[in-house]
PDB file of N, CA and C in Angstrom:
ATOM      1  N   UNK A   1     -32.101 -11.808  15.406  1.00  0.00           N
ATOM      2  CA  UNK A   1     -31.515 -12.508  14.862  1.00  0.00           C
ATOM      3  C   UNK A   1     -31.314 -11.163  13.334  1.00  0.00           C
ATOM      4  N   UNK A   2     -32.239 -10.041  13.272  1.00  0.00           N
ATOM      5  CA  UNK A   2     -32.596  -9.533  12.837  1.00  0.00           C
ATOM      6  C   UNK A   2     -31.712  -7.876  13.024  1.00  0.00           C
ATOM      7  N   UNK A   3     -31.710  -8.007  13.971  1.00  0.00           N
ATOM      8  CA  UNK A   3     -30.251  -7.041  15.189  1.00  0.00           C
ATOM      9  C   UNK A   3     -29.004  -7.636  14.363  1.00  0.00           C
ATOM     10  N   UNK A   4     -29.029  -9.103  14.605  1.00  0.00           N
ATOM     11  CA  UNK A   4     -27.506  -8.689  14.261  1.00  0.00           C
ATOM     12  C   UNK A   4     -27.019  -8.615  13.365  1.00  0.00           C
ATOM     13  N   UNK A   5     -28.013  -9.305  11.940  1.00  0.00           N
ATOM     14  CA  UNK A   5     -27.817  -8.570  10.673  1.00  0.00           C
ATOM     15  C   UNK A   5     -27.540  -7.520   9.998  1.00  0.00           C
ATOM     16  N   UNK A   6     -28.886  -6.257  10.659  1.00  0.00           N
ATOM     17  CA  UNK A   6     -28.460  -4.961  10.701  1.00  0.00           C
ATOM     18  C   UNK A   6     -26.676  -4.553  11.380  1.00  0.00           C
ATOM     19  N   UNK A   7     -26.281  -4.848  12.698  1.00  0.00           N
ATOM     20  CA  UNK A   7     -24.966  -5.421  12.707  1.00  0.00           C
ATOM     21  C   UNK A   7     -23.584  -5.254  11.967  1.00  0.00           C
ATOM     22  N   UNK A   8     -24.407  -6.002  11.212  1.00  0.00           N
ATOM     23  CA  UNK A   8     -23.354  -6.428   9.910  1.00  0.00           C
ATOM     24  C   UNK A   8     -23.392  -6.645   9.020  1.00  0.00           C
ATOM     25  N   UNK A   9     -23.674  -5.683   8.411  1.00  0.00           N
ATOM     26  CA  UNK A   9     -24.094  -4.422   7.321  1.00  0.00           C
ATOM     27  C   UNK A   9     -23.706  -3.172   7.592  1.00  0.00           C
ATOM     28  N   UNK A  10     -24.253  -3.198   8.801  1.00  0.00           N
ATOM     29  CA  UNK A  10     -23.498  -1.445   9.495  1.00  0.00           C
ATOM     30  C   UNK A  10     -21.749  -2.019   9.592  1.00  0.00           C
ATOM     31  N   UNK A  11     -21.056  -2.855  10.235  1.00  0.00           N
ATOM     32  CA  UNK A  11     -19.627  -2.924  10.252  1.00  0.00           C
ATOM     33  C   UNK A  11     -19.353  -3.401   8.387  1.00  0.00           C
ATOM     34  N   UNK A  12     -20.426  -2.960   7.669  1.00  0.00           N
ATOM     35  CA  UNK A  12     -19.611  -4.292   6.717  1.00  0.00           C
ATOM     36  C   UNK A  12     -19.115  -2.650   5.476  1.00  0.00           C
ATOM     37  N   UNK A  13     -20.978  -1.675   5.677  1.00  0.00           N
ATOM     38  CA  UNK A  13     -20.584  -0.632   4.821  1.00  0.00           C
ATOM     39  C   UNK A  13     -19.320   0.718   5.536  1.00  0.00           C
ATOM     40  N   UNK A  14     -19.203   0.551   6.518  1.00  0.00           N
ATOM     41  CA  UNK A  14     -18.283   1.311   7.523  1.00  0.00           C
ATOM     42  C   UNK A  14     -16.415   0.794   7.011  1.00  0.00           C
ATOM     43  N   UNK A  15     -16.542  -0.988   6.621  1.00  0.00           N
ATOM     44  CA  UNK A  15     -15.313  -1.481   6.259  1.00  0.00           C
ATOM     45  C   UNK A  15     -15.003  -0.973   5.361  1.00  0.00           C
ATOM     46  N   UNK A  16     -15.197  -0.764   3.794  1.00  0.00           N
ATOM     47  CA  UNK A  16     -16.175  -1.013   2.889  1.00  0.00           C
ATOM     48  C   UNK A  16     -15.224   0.418   2.475  1.00  0.00           C
ATOM     49  N   UNK A  17     -15.812   1.586   3.934  1.00  0.00           N
ATOM     50  CA  UNK A  17     -15.992   3.092   3.331  1.00  0.00           C
ATOM     51  C   UNK A  17     -14.312   2.960   3.940  1.00  0.00           C
ATOM     52  N   UNK A  18     -13.901   2.319   5.007  1.00  0.00           N
ATOM     53  CA  UNK A  18     -12.089   3.282   5.581  1.00  0.00           C
ATOM     54  C   UNK A  18     -12.011   2.037   3.982  1.00  0.00           C
ATOM     55  N   UNK A  19     -11.653   1.736   3.869  1.00  0.00           N
ATOM     56  CA  UNK A  19     -10.807   0.654   3.276  1.00  0.00           C
ATOM     57  C   UNK A  19     -10.548   1.655   1.621  1.00  0.00           C
ATOM     58  N   UNK A  20     -11.801   2.434   1.043  1.00  0.00           N
ATOM     59  CA  UNK A  20     -12.079   2.819  -0.206  1.00  0.00           C
ATOM     60  C   UNK A  20     -11.374   4.399   0.476  1.00  0.00           C
ATOM     61  N   UNK A  21     -11.204   5.475   2.068  1.00  0.00           N
ATOM     62  CA  UNK A  21     -10.421   6.170   2.586  1.00  0.00           C
ATOM     63  C   UNK A  21      -9.254   5.795   2.132  1.00  0.00           C
ATOM     64  N   UNK A  22      -8.225   4.648   2.275  1.00  0.00           N
ATOM     65  CA  UNK A  22      -7.253   4.276   2.635  1.00  0.00           C
ATOM     66  C   UNK A  22      -6.236   4.268   0.841  1.00  0.00           C
ATOM     67  N   UNK A  23      -7.191   2.936   0.328  1.00  0.00           N
ATOM     68  CA  UNK A  23      -6.854   3.400  -1.126  1.00  0.00           C
ATOM     69  C   UNK A  23      -6.482   4.661  -1.843  1.00  0.00           C
ATOM     70  N   UNK A  24      -7.755   5.341  -1.210  1.00  0.00           N
ATOM     71  CA  UNK A  24      -7.532   6.767  -2.120  1.00  0.00           C
ATOM     72  C   UNK A  24      -6.885   7.373  -1.743  1.00  0.00           C
ATOM     73  N   UNK A  25      -5.715   7.550  -0.432  1.00  0.00           N
ATOM     74  CA  UNK A  25      -5.261   8.525   0.141  1.00  0.00           C
ATOM     75  C   UNK A  25      -3.213   7.938  -0.109  1.00  0.00           C
ATOM     76  N   UNK A  26      -3.446   6.528  -0.525  1.00  0.00           N
ATOM     77  CA  UNK A  26      -2.451   5.301  -0.834  1.00  0.00           C
ATOM     78  C   UNK A  26      -1.682   4.948  -2.558  1.00  0.00           C
ATOM     79  N   UNK A  27      -3.354   4.638  -3.153  1.00  0.00           N
ATOM     80  CA  UNK A  27      -2.697   4.941  -4.201  1.00  0.00           C
ATOM     81  C   UNK A  27      -2.797   5.568  -5.416  1.00  0.00           C
ATOM     82  N   UNK A  28      -3.302   6.717  -4.912  1.00  0.00           N
ATOM     83  CA  UNK A  28      -2.965   7.652  -5.880  1.00  0.00           C
ATOM     84  C   UNK A  28      -1.525   8.728  -6.205  1.00  0.00           C
ATOM     85  N   UNK A  29      -1.088   9.311  -7.328  1.00  0.00           N
ATOM     86  CA  UNK A  29       0.319   9.109  -7.302  1.00  0.00           C
ATOM     87  C   UNK A  29       0.464  10.769  -7.715  1.00  0.00           C
ATOM     88  N   UNK A  30       1.781  11.573  -7.141  1.00  0.00           N
ATOM     89  CA  UNK A  30       1.257  12.592  -7.104  1.00  0.00           C
ATOM     90  C   UNK A  30       1.831  12.931  -8.674  1.00  0.00           C
ATOM     91  N   UNK A  31       1.626  13.734  -9.211  1.00  0.00           N
ATOM     92  CA  UNK A  31       1.683  14.493 -10.439  1.00  0.00           C
ATOM     93  C   UNK A  31       3.030  15.173 -11.234  1.00  0.00           C
ATOM     94  N   UNK A  32       3.158  15.311 -12.258  1.00  0.00           N
ATOM     95  CA  UNK A  32       4.360  16.218 -12.611  1.00  0.00           C
ATOM     96  C   UNK A  32       4.575  17.381 -12.682  1.00  0.00           C
ATOM     97  N   UNK A  33       3.237  17.728 -13.597  1.00  0.00           N
ATOM     98  CA  UNK A  33       3.004  19.565 -14.029  1.00  0.00           C
ATOM     99  C   UNK A  33       1.357  19.306 -13.630  1.00  0.00           C
ATOM    100  N   UNK A  34       1.391  20.481 -14.569  1.00  0.00           N
ATOM    101  CA  UNK A  34      -0.360  20.769 -13.941  1.00  0.00           C
ATOM    102  C   UNK A  34      -0.248  21.723 -15.278  1.00  0.00           C
ATOM    103  N   UNK A  35      -1.715  21.282 -15.462  1.00  0.00           N
ATOM    104  CA  UNK A  35      -2.423  22.051 -17.290  1.00  0.00           C
ATOM    105  C   UNK A  35      -2.696  22.710 -17.055  1.00  0.00           C
ATOM    106  N   UNK A  36      -2.765  23.880 -17.102  1.00  0.00           N
ATOM    107  CA  UNK A  36      -3.772  24.838 -17.361  1.00  0.00           C
ATOM    108  C   UNK A  36      -4.351  25.233 -18.415  1.00  0.00           C
ATOM    109  N   UNK A  37      -5.763  24.850 -18.509  1.00  0.00           N
ATOM    110  CA  UNK A  37      -6.228  25.426 -19.840  1.00  0.00           C
ATOM    111  C   UNK A  37      -7.677  26.170 -19.172  1.00  0.00           C
ATOM    112  N   UNK A  38      -8.377  26.898 -20.764  1.00  0.00           N
ATOM    113  CA  UNK A  38      -9.275  27.786 -20.666  1.00  0.00           C
ATOM    114  C   UNK A  38      -9.729  27.877 -21.685  1.00  0.00           C
ATOM    115  N   UNK A  39     -10.809  27.987 -21.279  1.00  0.00           N
ATOM    116  CA  UNK A  39     -12.334  27.209 -23.132  1.00  0.00           C
ATOM    117  C   UNK A  39     -11.330  26.384 -23.224  1.00  0.00           C
ATOM    118  N   UNK A  40     -11.293  25.222 -22.549  1.00  0.00           N
ATOM    119  CA  UNK A  40     -10.476  23.982 -23.266  1.00  0.00           C
ATOM    120  C   UNK A  40      -9.592  23.583 -24.189  1.00  0.00           C
ATOM    121  N   UNK A  41      -9.074  25.370 -23.960  1.00  0.00           N
ATOM    122  CA  UNK A  41      -7.339  24.642 -24.381  1.00  0.00           C
ATOM    123  C   UNK A  41      -6.427  25.502 -23.721  1.00  0.00           C
ATOM    124  N   UNK A  42      -4.792  25.026 -23.991  1.00  0.00           N
ATOM    125  CA  UNK A  42      -4.160  24.311 -22.702  1.00  0.00           C
ATOM    126  C   UNK A  42      -3.122  26.107 -23.133  1.00  0.00           C
ATOM    127  N   UNK A  43      -3.615  26.393 -22.558  1.00  0.00           N
ATOM    128  CA  UNK A  43      -2.159  27.622 -22.652  1.00  0.00           C
ATOM    129  C   UNK A  43      -1.131  27.902 -21.649  1.00  0.00           C
ATOM    130  N   UNK A  44      -0.716  26.432 -20.695  1.00  0.00           N
ATOM    131  CA  UNK A  44       0.382  26.477 -20.240  1.00  0.00           C
ATOM    132  C   UNK A  44       0.565  25.282 -19.557  1.00  0.00           C
ATOM    133  N   UNK A  45       1.989  24.581 -19.200  1.00  0.00           N
ATOM    134  CA  UNK A  45       1.185  23.405 -18.500  1.00  0.00           C
ATOM    135  C   UNK A  45       3.140  24.134 -17.089  1.00  0.00           C
ATOM    136  N   UNK A  46       2.481  23.917 -16.175  1.00  0.00           N
ATOM    137  CA  UNK A  46       3.698  24.104 -15.199  1.00  0.00           C
ATOM    138  C   UNK A  46       4.594  22.984 -14.904  1.00  0.00           C
ATOM    139  N   UNK A  47       5.775  22.733 -15.060  1.00  0.00           N
ATOM    140  CA  UNK A  47       6.943  21.192 -14.010  1.00  0.00           C
ATOM    141  C   UNK A  47       6.367  21.983 -12.216  1.00  0.00           C
ATOM    142  N   UNK A  48       6.309  20.812 -11.613  1.00  0.00           N
ATOM    143  CA  UNK A  48       5.997  21.465  -9.687  1.00  0.00           C
ATOM    144  C   UNK A  48       6.887  20.823  -9.513  1.00  0.00           C
ATOM    145  N   UNK A  49       7.926  20.518 -10.475  1.00  0.00           N
ATOM    146  CA  UNK A  49       9.098  20.764  -8.955  1.00  0.00           C
ATOM    147  C   UNK A  49       9.814  22.186  -9.206  1.00  0.00           C
ATOM    148  N   UNK A  50       9.425  22.537  -9.858  1.00  0.00           N
ATOM    149  CA  UNK A  50       9.995  23.986  -9.914  1.00  0.00           C
ATOM    150  C   UNK A  50       9.160  25.263  -8.937  1.00  0.00           C
ATOM    151  N   UNK A  51       9.172  25.889  -8.757  1.00  0.00           N
ATOM    152  CA  UNK A  51       8.093  27.203  -7.735  1.00  0.00           C
ATOM    153  C   UNK A  51       8.097  28.497  -8.702  1.00  0.00           C
ATOM    154  N   UNK A  52       6.715  28.614  -8.649  1.00  0.00           N
ATOM    155  CA  UNK A  52       6.908  30.028 -10.213  1.00  0.00           C
ATOM    156  C   UNK A  52       5.605  30.084  -9.592  1.00  0.00           C
ATOM    157  N   UNK A  53       5.293  31.906 -10.045  1.00  0.00           N
ATOM    158  CA  UNK A  53       4.001  31.842  -9.783  1.00  0.00           C
ATOM    159  C   UNK A  53       3.548  32.730 -11.106  1.00  0.00           C
ATOM    160  N   UNK A  54       2.790  32.476 -12.029  1.00  0.00           N
ATOM    161  CA  UNK A  54       1.894  33.676 -12.699  1.00  0.00           C
ATOM    162  C   UNK A  54       0.821  33.167 -12.882  1.00  0.00           C
ATOM    163  N   UNK A  55       0.266  34.143 -13.471  1.00  0.00           N
ATOM    164  CA  UNK A  55      -0.833  34.961 -14.167  1.00  0.00           C
ATOM    165  C   UNK A  55      -1.542  34.534 -14.825  1.00  0.00           C
ATOM    166  N   UNK A  56      -2.963  33.871 -15.564  1.00  0.00           N
ATOM    167  CA  UNK A  56      -4.024  33.413 -15.876  1.00  0.00           C
ATOM    168  C   UNK A  56      -4.571  34.495 -16.425  1.00  0.00           C
ATOM    169  N   UNK A  57      -4.980  34.967 -17.960  1.00  0.00           N
ATOM    170  CA  UNK A  57      -6.171  35.474 -18.459  1.00  0.00           C
ATOM    171  C   UNK A  57      -7.442  34.627 -18.244  1.00  0.00           C
ATOM    172  N   UNK A  58      -8.569  33.960 -17.641  1.00  0.00           N
ATOM    173  CA  UNK A  58      -9.676  33.564 -18.362  1.00  0.00           C
ATOM    174  C   UNK A  58      -9.959  34.414 -19.637  1.00  0.00           C
ATOM    175  N   UNK A  59     -11.725  33.460 -19.319  1.00  0.00           N
ATOM    176  CA  UNK A  59     -12.328  33.845 -19.723  1.00  0.00           C
ATOM    177  C   UNK A  59     -13.358  35.515 -18.500  1.00  0.00           C
ATOM    178  N   UNK A  60     -13.973  35.931 -19.941  1.00  0.00           N
ATOM    179  CA  UNK A  60     -14.628  37.633 -19.174  1.00  0.00           C
ATOM    180  C   UNK A  60     -14.121  38.742 -18.407  1.00  0.00           C
ATOM    181  N   UNK A  61     -12.432  38.447 -18.995  1.00  0.00           N
ATOM    182  CA  UNK A  61     -11.017  38.557 -18.472  1.00  0.00           C
ATOM    183  C   UNK A  61     -11.038  39.047 -17.033  1.00  0.00           C
ATOM    184  N   UNK A  62     -11.165  37.781 -15.847  1.00  0.00           N
ATOM    185  CA  UNK A  62     -10.753  37.271 -15.331  1.00  0.00           C
ATOM    186  C   UNK A  62      -9.803  36.639 -15.121  1.00  0.00           C
ATOM    187  N   UNK A  63      -8.990  37.817 -14.206  1.00  0.00           N
ATOM    188  CA  UNK A  63      -6.972  36.886 -13.662  1.00  0.00           C
ATOM    189  C   UNK A  63      -6.856  36.443 -12.724  1.00  0.00           C
ATOM    190  N   UNK A  64      -6.030  34.943 -12.336  1.00  0.00           N
ATOM    191  CA  UNK A  64      -6.318  34.244 -11.738  1.00  0.00           C
ATOM    192  C   UNK A  64      -4.723  34.106 -11.656  1.00  0.00           C
ATOM    193  N   UNK A  65      -3.484  34.622 -10.297  1.00  0.00           N
ATOM    194  CA  UNK A  65      -2.668  33.988 -10.164  1.00  0.00           C
ATOM    195  C   UNK A  65      -2.464  32.544  -9.576  1.00  0.00           C
ATOM    196  N   UNK A  66      -1.650  31.833 -10.154  1.00  0.00           N
ATOM    197  CA  UNK A  66      -1.943  30.593  -9.889  1.00  0.00           C
ATOM    198  C   UNK A  66       0.087  30.406  -9.303  1.00  0.00           C
ATOM    199  N   UNK A  67      -0.046  29.495  -8.377  1.00  0.00           N
ATOM    200  CA  UNK A  67       1.956  29.353  -7.276  1.00  0.00           C
ATOM    201  C   UNK A  67       2.118  27.900  -7.873  1.00  0.00           C
ATOM    202  N   UNK A  68       3.111  27.975  -8.050  1.00  0.00           N
ATOM    203  CA  UNK A  68       3.366  26.155  -8.110  1.00  0.00           C
ATOM    204  C   UNK A  68       4.567  26.428  -7.118  1.00  0.00           C
ATOM    205  N   UNK A  69       4.399  25.175  -5.920  1.00  0.00           N
ATOM    206  CA  UNK A  69       5.060  25.536  -4.571  1.00  0.00           C
ATOM    207  C   UNK A  69       5.587  24.123  -3.464  1.00  0.00           C
ATOM    208  N   UNK A  70       6.557  23.627  -3.294  1.00  0.00           N
ATOM    209  CA  UNK A  70       7.351  22.623  -3.321  1.00  0.00           C
ATOM    210  C   UNK A  70       5.935  21.203  -3.730  1.00  0.00           C
ATOM    211  N   UNK A  71       5.401  21.271  -4.564  1.00  0.00           N
ATOM    212  CA  UNK A  71       5.439  20.487  -5.143  1.00  0.00           C
ATOM    213  C   UNK A  71       4.202  20.269  -6.087  1.00  0.00           C
ATOM    214  N   UNK A  72       3.175  20.982  -4.945  1.00  0.00           N
ATOM    215  CA  UNK A  72       1.658  21.298  -5.558  1.00  0.00           C
ATOM    216  C   UNK A  72       1.676  22.450  -6.856  1.00  0.00           C
ATOM    217  N   UNK A  73       0.148  22.504  -6.868  1.00  0.00           N
ATOM    218  CA  UNK A  73      -0.796  23.926  -7.977  1.00  0.00           C
ATOM    219  C   UNK A  73      -1.872  24.256  -6.704  1.00  0.00           C
ATOM    220  N   UNK A  74      -1.479  25.783  -6.530  1.00  0.00           N
ATOM    221  CA  UNK A  74      -2.545  26.573  -5.992  1.00  0.00           C
ATOM    222  C   UNK A  74      -3.207  27.985  -6.710  1.00  0.00           C
ATOM    223  N   UNK A  75      -4.085  28.861  -6.548  1.00  0.00           N
ATOM    224  CA  UNK A  75      -4.609  29.188  -6.798  1.00  0.00           C
ATOM    225  C   UNK A  75      -4.700  30.761  -6.059  1.00  0.00           C
ATOM    226  N   UNK A  76      -3.504  31.232  -5.897  1.00  0.00           N
ATOM    227  CA  UNK A  76      -3.439  32.225  -4.907  1.00  0.00           C
ATOM    228  C   UNK A  76      -4.549  33.767  -5.182  1.00  0.00           C
ATOM    229  N   UNK A  77      -5.108  34.030  -5.632  1.00  0.00           N
ATOM    230  CA  UNK A  77      -6.391  34.541  -5.826  1.00  0.00           C
ATOM    231  C   UNK A  77      -6.856  34.647  -7.807  1.00  0.00           C
ATOM    232  N   UNK A  78      -8.098  35.857  -7.466  1.00  0.00           N
ATOM    233  CA  UNK A  78      -9.274  35.476  -8.393  1.00  0.00           C
ATOM    234  C   UNK A  78      -9.647  36.555  -8.688  1.00  0.00           C
ATOM    235  N   UNK A  79     -10.340  37.064  -9.430  1.00  0.00           N
ATOM    236  CA  UNK A  79     -11.004  38.478  -9.410  1.00  0.00           C
ATOM    237  C   UNK A  79     -12.623  37.361  -9.548  1.00  0.00           C
ATOM    238  N   UNK A  80     -12.875  36.414  -9.592  1.00  0.00           N
ATOM    239  CA  UNK A  80     -14.385  35.499 -10.064  1.00  0.00           C
ATOM    240  C   UNK A  80     -14.829  35.515  -8.478  1.00  0.00           C
ATOM    241  N   UNK A  81     -16.280  36.115  -8.433  1.00  0.00           N
ATOM    242  CA  UNK A  81     -17.062  36.470  -6.930  1.00  0.00           C
ATOM    243  C   UNK A  81     -17.130  35.643  -6.525  1.00  0.00           C
ATOM    244  N   UNK A  82     -17.146  34.027  -6.881  1.00  0.00           N
ATOM    245  CA  UNK A  82     -17.614  33.058  -5.349  1.00  0.00           C
ATOM    246  C   UNK A  82     -15.819  32.420  -4.931  1.00  0.00           C
ATOM    247  N   UNK A  83     -15.362  32.794  -5.910  1.00  0.00           N
ATOM    248  CA  UNK A  83     -13.313  32.249  -5.400  1.00  0.00           C
ATOM    249  C   UNK A  83     -13.318  30.743  -4.733  1.00  0.00           C
ATOM    250  N   UNK A  84     -14.320  29.940  -5.059  1.00  0.00           N
ATOM    251  CA  UNK A  84     -13.887  28.562  -5.457  1.00  0.00           C
ATOM    252  C   UNK A  84     -12.837  27.889  -4.964  1.00  0.00           C
ATOM    253  N   UNK A  85     -12.224  28.341  -6.836  1.00  0.00           N
ATOM    254  CA  UNK A  85     -10.958  27.760  -7.174  1.00  0.00           C
ATOM    255  C   UNK A  85      -9.832  28.398  -6.285  1.00  0.00           C
ATOM    256  N   UNK A  86      -9.768  29.601  -4.705  1.00  0.00           N
ATOM    257  CA  UNK A  86      -8.983  30.200  -4.656  1.00  0.00           C
ATOM    258  C   UNK A  86      -9.033  28.920  -3.299  1.00  0.00           C
ATOM    259  N   UNK A  87     -10.258  28.795  -2.449  1.00  0.00           N
ATOM    260  CA  UNK A  87     -10.629  27.943  -1.707  1.00  0.00           C
ATOM    261  C   UNK A  87     -10.624  26.831  -1.713  1.00  0.00           C
ATOM    262  N   UNK A  88     -10.093  25.928  -3.109  1.00  0.00           N
ATOM    263  CA  UNK A  88     -10.221  24.385  -3.071  1.00  0.00           C
ATOM    264  C   UNK A  88      -8.276  24.612  -2.436  1.00  0.00           C
ATOM    265  N   UNK A  89      -7.678  24.868  -2.513  1.00  0.00           N
ATOM    266  CA  UNK A  89      -6.626  25.050  -2.097  1.00  0.00           C
ATOM    267  C   UNK A  89      -5.740  24.402  -2.649  1.00  0.00           C
ATOM    268  N   UNK A  90      -4.609  23.539  -2.395  1.00  0.00           N
ATOM    269  CA  UNK A  90      -3.478  23.049  -3.162  1.00  0.00           C
ATOM    270  C   UNK A  90      -4.006  21.496  -3.521  1.00  0.00           C
ATOM    271  N   UNK A  91      -3.548  21.484  -4.979  1.00  0.00           N
ATOM    272  CA  UNK A  91      -3.309  20.092  -5.831  1.00  0.00           C
ATOM    273  C   UNK A  91      -2.112  19.311  -6.076  1.00  0.00           C
ATOM    274  N   UNK A  92      -1.345  18.082  -5.296  1.00  0.00           N
ATOM    275  CA  UNK A  92      -0.558  18.202  -6.227  1.00  0.00           C
ATOM    276  C   UNK A  92      -0.550  16.285  -6.908  1.00  0.00           C
ATOM    277  N   UNK A  93      -1.726  15.870  -6.938  1.00  0.00           N
ATOM    278  CA  UNK A  93      -2.286  14.386  -6.946  1.00  0.00           C
ATOM    279  C   UNK A  93      -2.607  14.228  -8.707  1.00  0.00           C
ATOM    280  N   UNK A  94      -2.705  13.186  -9.430  1.00  0.00           N
ATOM    281  CA  UNK A  94      -2.978  13.004 -10.885  1.00  0.00           C
ATOM    282  C   UNK A  94      -4.430  13.288 -10.368  1.00  0.00           C
ATOM    283  N   UNK A  95      -4.944  13.441 -11.733  1.00  0.00           N
ATOM    284  CA  UNK A  95      -6.026  14.192 -11.704  1.00  0.00           C
ATOM    285  C   UNK A  95      -6.735  15.202 -11.174  1.00  0.00           C
ATOM    286  N   UNK A  96      -6.454  15.189 -10.481  1.00  0.00           N
ATOM    287  CA  UNK A  96      -7.411  16.228  -9.550  1.00  0.00           C
ATOM    288  C   UNK A  96      -7.453  18.049  -9.557  1.00  0.00           C
ATOM    289  N   UNK A  97      -7.967  18.391  -9.799  1.00  0.00           N
ATOM    290  CA  UNK A  97      -8.278  19.407 -10.248  1.00  0.00           C
ATOM    291  C   UNK A  97      -8.677  20.379 -10.291  1.00  0.00           C
ATOM    292  N   UNK A  98      -8.078  21.982 -10.506  1.00  0.00           N
ATOM    293  CA  UNK A  98      -9.244  23.265  -9.547  1.00  0.00           C
ATOM    294  C   UNK A  98      -9.515  23.764 -10.395  1.00  0.00           C
ATOM    295  N   UNK A  99     -10.890  24.054 -10.586  1.00  0.00           N
ATOM    296  CA  UNK A  99     -11.548  24.698 -11.967  1.00  0.00           C
ATOM    297  C   UNK A  99     -12.403  26.384 -11.251  1.00  0.00           C
ATOM    298  N   UNK A 100     -12.535  26.880 -12.133  1.00  0.00           N
ATOM    299  CA  UNK A 100     -12.962  28.151 -11.725  1.00  0.00           C
ATOM    300  C   UNK A 100     -13.771  28.825 -12.727  1.00  0.00           C
ATOM    301  N   UNK A 101     -15.383  28.396 -12.868  1.00  0.00           N
ATOM    302  CA  UNK A 101     -16.101  28.575 -14.010  1.00  0.00           C
ATOM    303  C   UNK A 101     -15.652  30.401 -13.776  1.00  0.00           C
ATOM    304  N   UNK A 102     -16.321  30.677 -13.896  1.00  0.00           N
ATOM    305  CA  UNK A 102     -16.325  32.380 -13.959  1.00  0.00           C
ATOM    306  C   UNK A 102     -15.497  32.980 -15.655  1.00  0.00           C
ATOM    307  N   UNK A 103     -14.711  32.170 -15.164  1.00  0.00           N
ATOM    308  CA  UNK A 103     -13.244  32.992 -15.616  1.00  0.00           C
ATOM    309  C   UNK A 103     -13.150  30.641 -17.173  1.00  0.00           C
ATOM    310  N   UNK A 104     -13.992  30.103 -16.879  1.00  0.00           N
ATOM    311  CA  UNK A 104     -13.611  29.223 -17.668  1.00  0.00           C
ATOM    312  C   UNK A 104     -12.266  28.680 -18.202  1.00  0.00           C
ATOM    313  N   UNK A 105     -11.722  28.842 -17.062  1.00  0.00           N
ATOM    314  CA  UNK A 105     -10.399  27.045 -16.437  1.00  0.00           C
ATOM    315  C   UNK A 105     -10.630  26.371 -15.654  1.00  0.00           C
ATOM    316  N   UNK A 106      -9.364  26.114 -16.177  1.00  0.00           N
ATOM    317  CA  UNK A 106      -9.254  24.518 -15.399  1.00  0.00           C
ATOM    318  C   UNK A 106      -7.539  24.478 -15.174  1.00  0.00           C
ATOM    319  N   UNK A 107      -7.593  23.675 -13.786  1.00  0.00           N
ATOM    320  CA  UNK A 107      -6.143  23.286 -13.547  1.00  0.00           C
ATOM    321  C   UNK A 107      -5.992  21.463 -13.009  1.00  0.00           C
ATOM    322  N   UNK A 108      -4.837  20.811 -13.631  1.00  0.00           N
ATOM    323  CA  UNK A 108      -5.183  19.540 -13.741  1.00  0.00           C
ATOM    324  C   UNK A 108      -3.780  19.568 -13.672  1.00  0.00           C
ATOM    325  N   UNK A 109      -3.615  18.511 -12.467  1.00  0.00           N
ATOM    326  CA  UNK A 109      -2.749  17.816 -12.387  1.00  0.00           C
ATOM    327  C   UNK A 109      -2.528  16.424 -13.150  1.00  0.00           C
ATOM    328  N   UNK A 110      -1.336  16.439 -13.718  1.00  0.00           N
ATOM    329  CA  UNK A 110      -0.874  15.095 -15.009  1.00  0.00           C
ATOM    330  C   UNK A 110       0.601  14.232 -14.828  1.00  0.00           C
ATOM    331  N   UNK A 111       1.013  13.460 -15.015  1.00  0.00           N
ATOM    332  CA  UNK A 111       1.762  12.868 -14.820  1.00  0.00           C
ATOM    333  C   UNK A 111       2.924  13.330 -15.336  1.00  0.00           C
ATOM    334  N   UNK A 112       2.939  13.582 -16.387  1.00  0.00           N
ATOM    335  CA  UNK A 112       4.331  13.965 -16.695  1.00  0.00           C
ATOM    336  C   UNK A 112       3.433  14.855 -18.425  1.00  0.00           C
ATOM    337  N   UNK A 113       4.867  14.929 -19.339  1.00  0.00           N
ATOM    338  CA  UNK A 113       5.176  16.514 -20.321  1.00  0.00           C
ATOM    339  C   UNK A 113       3.844  15.987 -21.012  1.00  0.00           C
ATOM    340  N   UNK A 114       4.429  14.150 -21.369  1.00  0.00           N
ATOM    341  CA  UNK A 114       3.797  13.730 -22.674  1.00  0.00           C
ATOM    342  C   UNK A 114       2.601  12.930 -23.073  1.00  0.00           C
ATOM    343  N   UNK A 115       1.472  13.595 -21.021  1.00  0.00           N
ATOM    344  CA  UNK A 115      -0.094  13.492 -21.473  1.00  0.00           C
ATOM    345  C   UNK A 115      -0.798  14.562 -22.108  1.00  0.00           C
TER     346      UNK A 115
END
């Protein structure tokens, strides 16, 4: 009997995980703009429908090259030592973020310009 309870618990856990993954992929909404903040102050808001490339100066004189392309935003290059922000890749869904801690810079996708 204990064997069947264990199997049922495993199946339940797998089902919940699959449902959560499905909802994460299908319920999240694509954003319209990317807000760039340095030291928690907004320095630029980029329209994700317009392809562009800009250079942002973060704290500690760290420069980041931010690119908007095909409705998504990513960090093309950064002078920070660990390059986590570059390795994050493209983001396009609301509330997704790219963070560069050494530059104290956050890029967040938002729903529209009024948020």
